[in-house]
Amino acid sequence: MTKGTIKLLVHHKLVDDSYGFIKGEGEGDLFFHHNDLQGVDYSSLREGQQVEFEVGQGRDGRKKAVNVRLAQPKTE
């Protein structure tokens, strides 16, 4: 799993579509769609939150974040 930070969240009320961008470690900024979330509701996300994700390929052939979930806090 790759770690990153929620950089930007966008919600279009007219078409009920939500997506965002994640600043990934070593990956740059990656797009994600609300359908790519696992175990977290889009409305609970906040910019700056730490997340974990896998890198997949979007319909346009570019890299995107998939299986996005909140990062687990470090335990020691």
PDB file of N, CA and C in Angstrom:
ATOM      1  N   MET A   1       0.837  -1.184   0.000  1.00  0.00           N
ATOM      2  CA  MET A   1       0.000   0.000   0.000  1.00  0.00           C
ATOM      3  C   MET A   1       0.879   1.243   0.000  1.00  0.00           C
ATOM      4  N   THR A   2       0.441   2.206  -0.763  1.00  0.00           N
ATOM      5  CA  THR A   2       1.110   3.496  -0.814  1.00  0.00           C
ATOM      6  C   THR A   2       0.399   4.440   0.139  1.00  0.00           C
ATOM      7  N   LYS A   3       1.153   5.315   0.778  1.00  0.00           N
ATOM      8  CA  LYS A   3       0.562   6.296   1.687  1.00  0.00           C
ATOM      9  C   LYS A   3       0.535   7.658   1.017  1.00  0.00           C
ATOM     10  N   GLY A   4      -0.414   8.475   1.438  1.00  0.00           N
ATOM     11  CA  GLY A   4      -0.524   9.816   0.894  1.00  0.00           C
ATOM     12  C   GLY A   4      -1.429  10.678   1.745  1.00  0.00           C
ATOM     13  N   THR A   5      -1.668  11.884   1.269  1.00  0.00           N
ATOM     14  CA  THR A   5      -2.478  12.875   1.970  1.00  0.00           C
ATOM     15  C   THR A   5      -3.546  13.407   1.033  1.00  0.00           C
ATOM     16  N   ILE A   6      -4.772  13.525   1.527  1.00  0.00           N
ATOM     17  CA  ILE A   6      -5.847  14.118   0.730  1.00  0.00           C
ATOM     18  C   ILE A   6      -5.462  15.566   0.443  1.00  0.00           C
ATOM     19  N   LYS A   7      -5.343  15.894  -0.832  1.00  0.00           N
ATOM     20  CA  LYS A   7      -4.933  17.232  -1.237  1.00  0.00           C
ATOM     21  C   LYS A   7      -6.135  18.114  -1.577  1.00  0.00           C
ATOM     22  N   LEU A   8      -7.116  17.542  -2.275  1.00  0.00           N
ATOM     23  CA  LEU A   8      -8.262  18.322  -2.733  1.00  0.00           C
ATOM     24  C   LEU A   8      -9.476  17.418  -2.837  1.00  0.00           C
ATOM     25  N   LEU A   9     -10.624  17.909  -2.374  1.00  0.00           N
ATOM     26  CA  LEU A   9     -11.890  17.184  -2.482  1.00  0.00           C
ATOM     27  C   LEU A   9     -12.867  18.031  -3.278  1.00  0.00           C
ATOM     28  N   VAL A  10     -13.599  17.400  -4.195  1.00  0.00           N
ATOM     29  CA  VAL A  10     -14.555  18.101  -5.057  1.00  0.00           C
ATOM     30  C   VAL A  10     -15.865  17.327  -5.049  1.00  0.00           C
ATOM     31  N   HIS A  11     -16.972  18.058  -4.828  1.00  0.00           N
ATOM     32  CA  HIS A  11     -18.303  17.428  -4.880  1.00  0.00           C
ATOM     33  C   HIS A  11     -19.197  18.264  -5.784  1.00  0.00           C
ATOM     34  N   HIS A  12     -19.687  17.648  -6.840  1.00  0.00           N
ATOM     35  CA  HIS A  12     -20.621  18.314  -7.756  1.00  0.00           C
ATOM     36  C   HIS A  12     -22.032  17.900  -7.381  1.00  0.00           C
ATOM     37  N   LYS A  13     -22.777  18.791  -6.745  1.00  0.00           N
ATOM     38  CA  LYS A  13     -24.133  18.474  -6.287  1.00  0.00           C
ATOM     39  C   LYS A  13     -25.098  18.244  -7.439  1.00  0.00           C
ATOM     40  N   LEU A  14     -24.910  18.959  -8.547  1.00  0.00           N
ATOM     41  CA  LEU A  14     -25.851  18.829  -9.664  1.00  0.00           C
ATOM     42  C   LEU A  14     -25.850  17.440 -10.284  1.00  0.00           C
ATOM     43  N   VAL A  15     -24.705  16.814 -10.327  1.00  0.00           N
ATOM     44  CA  VAL A  15     -24.614  15.474 -10.919  1.00  0.00           C
ATOM     45  C   VAL A  15     -24.300  14.410  -9.870  1.00  0.00           C
ATOM     46  N   ASP A  16     -24.295  14.795  -8.591  1.00  0.00           N
ATOM     47  CA  ASP A  16     -24.019  13.881  -7.483  1.00  0.00           C
ATOM     48  C   ASP A  16     -22.760  13.061  -7.746  1.00  0.00           C
ATOM     49  N   ASP A  17     -21.670  13.752  -7.999  1.00  0.00           N
ATOM     50  CA  ASP A  17     -20.394  13.104  -8.295  1.00  0.00           C
ATOM     51  C   ASP A  17     -19.328  13.692  -7.388  1.00  0.00           C
ATOM     52  N   SER A  18     -18.535  12.853  -6.761  1.00  0.00           N
ATOM     53  CA  SER A  18     -17.498  13.298  -5.843  1.00  0.00           C
ATOM     54  C   SER A  18     -16.177  12.632  -6.208  1.00  0.00           C
ATOM     55  N   TYR A  19     -15.128  13.419  -6.115  1.00  0.00           N
ATOM     56  CA  TYR A  19     -13.792  12.902  -6.408  1.00  0.00           C
ATOM     57  C   TYR A  19     -12.772  13.779  -5.708  1.00  0.00           C
ATOM     58  N   GLY A  20     -11.522  13.435  -5.846  1.00  0.00           N
ATOM     59  CA  GLY A  20     -10.474  14.223  -5.222  1.00  0.00           C
ATOM     60  C   GLY A  20      -9.114  13.854  -5.759  1.00  0.00           C
ATOM     61  N   PHE A  21      -8.110  14.453  -5.112  1.00  0.00           N
ATOM     62  CA  PHE A  21      -6.724  14.193  -5.471  1.00  0.00           C
ATOM     63  C   PHE A  21      -5.936  13.905  -4.205  1.00  0.00           C
ATOM     64  N   ILE A  22      -5.030  12.959  -4.326  1.00  0.00           N
ATOM     65  CA  ILE A  22      -4.167  12.554  -3.226  1.00  0.00           C
ATOM     66  C   ILE A  22      -2.735  12.882  -3.598  1.00  0.00           C
ATOM     67  N   LYS A  23      -2.011  13.478  -2.664  1.00  0.00           N
ATOM     68  CA  LYS A  23      -0.576  13.693  -2.817  1.00  0.00           C
ATOM     69  C   LYS A  23       0.091  12.421  -2.312  1.00  0.00           C
ATOM     70  N   GLY A  24       0.530  11.578  -3.247  1.00  0.00           N
ATOM     71  CA  GLY A  24       1.110  10.293  -2.884  1.00  0.00           C
ATOM     72  C   GLY A  24       2.607  10.381  -2.659  1.00  0.00           C
ATOM     73  N   GLU A  25       3.097   9.566  -1.760  1.00  0.00           N
ATOM     74  CA  GLU A  25       4.538   9.502  -1.511  1.00  0.00           C
ATOM     75  C   GLU A  25       5.207   8.861  -2.714  1.00  0.00           C
ATOM     76  N   GLY A  26       5.998   9.607  -3.437  1.00  0.00           N
ATOM     77  CA  GLY A  26       6.714   9.077  -4.587  1.00  0.00           C
ATOM     78  C   GLY A  26       5.859   8.919  -5.831  1.00  0.00           C
ATOM     79  N   GLU A  27       4.599   9.279  -5.771  1.00  0.00           N
ATOM     80  CA  GLU A  27       3.701   9.109  -6.912  1.00  0.00           C
ATOM     81  C   GLU A  27       3.213  10.429  -7.488  1.00  0.00           C
ATOM     82  N   GLY A  28       3.438  11.535  -6.802  1.00  0.00           N
ATOM     83  CA  GLY A  28       2.859  12.794  -7.240  1.00  0.00           C
ATOM     84  C   GLY A  28       1.379  12.827  -6.899  1.00  0.00           C
ATOM     85  N   ASP A  29       0.620  13.687  -7.550  1.00  0.00           N
ATOM     86  CA  ASP A  29      -0.812  13.802  -7.292  1.00  0.00           C
ATOM     87  C   ASP A  29      -1.586  12.774  -8.109  1.00  0.00           C
ATOM     88  N   LEU A  30      -2.487  12.059  -7.432  1.00  0.00           N
ATOM     89  CA  LEU A  30      -3.286  11.031  -8.089  1.00  0.00           C
ATOM     90  C   LEU A  30      -4.769  11.307  -7.886  1.00  0.00           C
ATOM     91  N   PHE A  31      -5.539  11.151  -8.937  1.00  0.00           N
ATOM     92  CA  PHE A  31      -6.988  11.287  -8.915  1.00  0.00           C
ATOM     93  C   PHE A  31      -7.606  10.086  -8.206  1.00  0.00           C
ATOM     94  N   PHE A  32      -8.731  10.290  -7.519  1.00  0.00           N
ATOM     95  CA  PHE A  32      -9.555   9.181  -7.049  1.00  0.00           C
ATOM     96  C   PHE A  32     -11.024   9.576  -7.154  1.00  0.00           C
ATOM     97  N   HIS A  33     -11.861   8.617  -7.417  1.00  0.00           N
ATOM     98  CA  HIS A  33     -13.302   8.802  -7.503  1.00  0.00           C
ATOM     99  C   HIS A  33     -13.923   8.235  -6.231  1.00  0.00           C
ATOM    100  N   HIS A  34     -15.093   8.736  -5.836  1.00  0.00           N
ATOM    101  CA  HIS A  34     -15.698   8.233  -4.595  1.00  0.00           C
ATOM    102  C   HIS A  34     -15.936   6.722  -4.645  1.00  0.00           C
ATOM    103  N   ASN A  35     -16.070   6.153  -5.820  1.00  0.00           N
ATOM    104  CA  ASN A  35     -16.226   4.700  -5.944  1.00  0.00           C
ATOM    105  C   ASN A  35     -14.947   3.942  -5.592  1.00  0.00           C
ATOM    106  N   ASP A  36     -13.817   4.650  -5.517  1.00  0.00           N
ATOM    107  CA  ASP A  36     -12.529   4.024  -5.199  1.00  0.00           C
ATOM    108  C   ASP A  36     -12.285   3.916  -3.696  1.00  0.00           C
ATOM    109  N   LEU A  37     -13.222   4.418  -2.867  1.00  0.00           N
ATOM    110  CA  LEU A  37     -13.061   4.396  -1.412  1.00  0.00           C
ATOM    111  C   LEU A  37     -13.444   3.036  -0.847  1.00  0.00           C
ATOM    112  N   GLN A  38     -12.702   2.596   0.162  1.00  0.00           N
ATOM    113  CA  GLN A  38     -12.957   1.324   0.841  1.00  0.00           C
ATOM    114  C   GLN A  38     -13.130   1.583   2.336  1.00  0.00           C
ATOM    115  N   GLY A  39     -14.334   1.338   2.858  1.00  0.00           N
ATOM    116  CA  GLY A  39     -14.562   1.451   4.297  1.00  0.00           C
ATOM    117  C   GLY A  39     -14.599   2.867   4.838  1.00  0.00           C
ATOM    118  N   VAL A  40     -14.764   3.842   3.973  1.00  0.00           N
ATOM    119  CA  VAL A  40     -14.867   5.238   4.416  1.00  0.00           C
ATOM    120  C   VAL A  40     -15.861   5.955   3.509  1.00  0.00           C
ATOM    121  N   ASP A  41     -16.676   6.794   4.105  1.00  0.00           N
ATOM    122  CA  ASP A  41     -17.649   7.571   3.351  1.00  0.00           C
ATOM    123  C   ASP A  41     -16.993   8.865   2.868  1.00  0.00           C
ATOM    124  N   TYR A  42     -17.246   9.222   1.615  1.00  0.00           N
ATOM    125  CA  TYR A  42     -16.635  10.422   1.042  1.00  0.00           C
ATOM    126  C   TYR A  42     -16.900  11.654   1.906  1.00  0.00           C
ATOM    127  N   SER A  43     -18.104  11.782   2.433  1.00  0.00           N
ATOM    128  CA  SER A  43     -18.462  12.980   3.205  1.00  0.00           C
ATOM    129  C   SER A  43     -17.671  13.110   4.505  1.00  0.00           C
ATOM    130  N   SER A  44     -17.039  12.032   4.955  1.00  0.00           N
ATOM    131  CA  SER A  44     -16.245  12.098   6.184  1.00  0.00           C
ATOM    132  C   SER A  44     -14.787  12.471   5.915  1.00  0.00           C
ATOM    133  N   LEU A  45     -14.378  12.499   4.650  1.00  0.00           N
ATOM    134  CA  LEU A  45     -12.992  12.851   4.316  1.00  0.00           C
ATOM    135  C   LEU A  45     -12.741  14.344   4.491  1.00  0.00           C
ATOM    136  N   ARG A  46     -11.520  14.677   4.860  1.00  0.00           N
ATOM    137  CA  ARG A  46     -11.091  16.067   5.005  1.00  0.00           C
ATOM    138  C   ARG A  46      -9.724  16.234   4.342  1.00  0.00           C
ATOM    139  N   GLU A  47      -9.515  17.387   3.745  1.00  0.00           N
ATOM    140  CA  GLU A  47      -8.206  17.663   3.156  1.00  0.00           C
ATOM    141  C   GLU A  47      -7.159  17.608   4.265  1.00  0.00           C
ATOM    142  N   GLY A  48      -6.019  17.008   3.958  1.00  0.00           N
ATOM    143  CA  GLY A  48      -4.941  16.853   4.927  1.00  0.00           C
ATOM    144  C   GLY A  48      -4.938  15.505   5.632  1.00  0.00           C
ATOM    145  N   GLN A  49      -6.014  14.712   5.493  1.00  0.00           N
ATOM    146  CA  GLN A  49      -6.045  13.394   6.123  1.00  0.00           C
ATOM    147  C   GLN A  49      -5.063  12.450   5.446  1.00  0.00           C
ATOM    148  N   GLN A  50      -4.508  11.561   6.240  1.00  0.00           N
ATOM    149  CA  GLN A  50      -3.599  10.544   5.734  1.00  0.00           C
ATOM    150  C   GLN A  50      -4.407   9.344   5.253  1.00  0.00           C
ATOM    151  N   VAL A  51      -4.060   8.840   4.084  1.00  0.00           N
ATOM    152  CA  VAL A  51      -4.741   7.687   3.511  1.00  0.00           C
ATOM    153  C   VAL A  51      -3.727   6.678   2.980  1.00  0.00           C
ATOM    154  N   GLU A  52      -4.219   5.478   2.746  1.00  0.00           N
ATOM    155  CA  GLU A  52      -3.452   4.422   2.094  1.00  0.00           C
ATOM    156  C   GLU A  52      -4.221   4.035   0.842  1.00  0.00           C
ATOM    157  N   PHE A  53      -3.512   3.631  -0.196  1.00  0.00           N
ATOM    158  CA  PHE A  53      -4.173   3.293  -1.452  1.00  0.00           C
ATOM    159  C   PHE A  53      -3.261   2.437  -2.315  1.00  0.00           C
ATOM    160  N   GLU A  54      -3.851   1.892  -3.347  1.00  0.00           N
ATOM    161  CA  GLU A  54      -3.098   1.183  -4.371  1.00  0.00           C
ATOM    162  C   GLU A  54      -3.118   2.052  -5.625  1.00  0.00           C
ATOM    163  N   VAL A  55      -2.138   1.886  -6.463  1.00  0.00           N
ATOM    164  CA  VAL A  55      -2.088   2.633  -7.717  1.00  0.00           C
ATOM    165  C   VAL A  55      -2.661   1.760  -8.819  1.00  0.00           C
ATOM    166  N   GLY A  56      -3.666   2.292  -9.496  1.00  0.00           N
ATOM    167  CA  GLY A  56      -4.302   1.590 -10.601  1.00  0.00           C
ATOM    168  C   GLY A  56      -4.281   2.462 -11.842  1.00  0.00           C
ATOM    169  N   GLN A  57      -5.053   2.064 -12.822  1.00  0.00           N
ATOM    170  CA  GLN A  57      -5.101   2.802 -14.077  1.00  0.00           C
ATOM    171  C   GLN A  57      -6.533   3.259 -14.340  1.00  0.00           C
ATOM    172  N   GLY A  58      -6.676   4.535 -14.663  1.00  0.00           N
ATOM    173  CA  GLY A  58      -7.982   5.087 -14.986  1.00  0.00           C
ATOM    174  C   GLY A  58      -8.382   4.768 -16.413  1.00  0.00           C
ATOM    175  N   ARG A  59      -9.621   5.124 -16.755  1.00  0.00           N
ATOM    176  CA  ARG A  59     -10.126   4.873 -18.112  1.00  0.00           C
ATOM    177  C   ARG A  59      -9.322   5.609 -19.164  1.00  0.00           C
ATOM    178  N   ASP A  60      -8.699   6.730 -18.764  1.00  0.00           N
ATOM    179  CA  ASP A  60      -7.911   7.507 -19.724  1.00  0.00           C
ATOM    180  C   ASP A  60      -6.469   7.016 -19.834  1.00  0.00           C
ATOM    181  N   GLY A  61      -6.130   5.939 -19.106  1.00  0.00           N
ATOM    182  CA  GLY A  61      -4.791   5.364 -19.180  1.00  0.00           C
ATOM    183  C   GLY A  61      -3.810   5.938 -18.179  1.00  0.00           C
ATOM    184  N   ARG A  62      -4.213   6.979 -17.468  1.00  0.00           N
ATOM    185  CA  ARG A  62      -3.320   7.572 -16.464  1.00  0.00           C
ATOM    186  C   ARG A  62      -3.449   6.849 -15.127  1.00  0.00           C
ATOM    187  N   LYS A  63      -2.396   6.970 -14.299  1.00  0.00           N
ATOM    188  CA  LYS A  63      -2.422   6.377 -12.970  1.00  0.00           C
ATOM    189  C   LYS A  63      -3.487   7.065 -12.126  1.00  0.00           C
ATOM    190  N   LYS A  64      -4.115   6.285 -11.226  1.00  0.00           N
ATOM    191  CA  LYS A  64      -5.070   6.839 -10.276  1.00  0.00           C
ATOM    192  C   LYS A  64      -4.998   6.031  -8.991  1.00  0.00           C
ATOM    193  N   ALA A  65      -5.539   6.585  -7.929  1.00  0.00           N
ATOM    194  CA  ALA A  65      -5.581   5.891  -6.643  1.00  0.00           C
ATOM    195  C   ALA A  65      -6.840   5.037  -6.580  1.00  0.00           C
ATOM    196  N   VAL A  66      -6.687   3.787  -6.170  1.00  0.00           N
ATOM    197  CA  VAL A  66      -7.819   2.875  -6.005  1.00  0.00           C
ATOM    198  C   VAL A  66      -7.714   2.223  -4.623  1.00  0.00           C
ATOM    199  N   ASN A  67      -8.813   1.641  -4.172  1.00  0.00           N
ATOM    200  CA  ASN A  67      -8.855   1.013  -2.847  1.00  0.00           C
ATOM    201  C   ASN A  67      -8.346   1.966  -1.770  1.00  0.00           C
ATOM    202  N   VAL A  68      -8.846   3.191  -1.814  1.00  0.00           N
ATOM    203  CA  VAL A  68      -8.419   4.245  -0.887  1.00  0.00           C
ATOM    204  C   VAL A  68      -9.096   4.038   0.466  1.00  0.00           C
ATOM    205  N   ARG A  69      -8.307   4.071   1.521  1.00  0.00           N
ATOM    206  CA  ARG A  69      -8.848   3.973   2.881  1.00  0.00           C
ATOM    207  C   ARG A  69      -8.005   4.837   3.818  1.00  0.00           C
ATOM    208  N   LEU A  70      -8.580   5.141   4.966  1.00  0.00           N
ATOM    209  CA  LEU A  70      -7.848   5.941   5.945  1.00  0.00           C
ATOM    210  C   LEU A  70      -6.625   5.184   6.431  1.00  0.00           C
ATOM    211  N   ALA A  71      -5.519   5.894   6.589  1.00  0.00           N
ATOM    212  CA  ALA A  71      -4.294   5.271   7.060  1.00  0.00           C
ATOM    213  C   ALA A  71      -4.450   4.871   8.527  1.00  0.00           C
ATOM    214  N   GLN A  72      -3.920   3.738   8.857  1.00  0.00           N
ATOM    215  CA  GLN A  72      -3.952   3.278  10.228  1.00  0.00           C
ATOM    216  C   GLN A  72      -2.875   4.004  11.027  1.00  0.00           C
ATOM    217  N   PRO A  73      -3.213   4.463  12.229  1.00  0.00           N
ATOM    218  CA  PRO A  73      -2.180   5.110  13.045  1.00  0.00           C
ATOM    219  C   PRO A  73      -1.062   4.138  13.375  1.00  0.00           C
ATOM    220  N   LYS A  74       0.137   4.663  13.489  1.00  0.00           N
ATOM    221  CA  LYS A  74       1.281   3.819  13.825  1.00  0.00           C
ATOM    222  C   LYS A  74       1.149   3.319  15.261  1.00  0.00           C
ATOM    223  N   THR A  75       1.398   2.042  15.440  1.00  0.00           N
ATOM    224  CA  THR A  75       1.390   1.461  16.783  1.00  0.00           C
ATOM    225  C   THR A  75       2.806   1.042  17.127  1.00  0.00           C
ATOM    226  N   GLU A  76       3.153   1.235  18.369  1.00  0.00           N
ATOM    227  CA  GLU A  76       4.520   0.898  18.783  1.00  0.00           C
ATOM    228  C   GLU A  76       4.521  -0.029  19.941  1.00  0.00           C
TER     229      GLU A  76
END
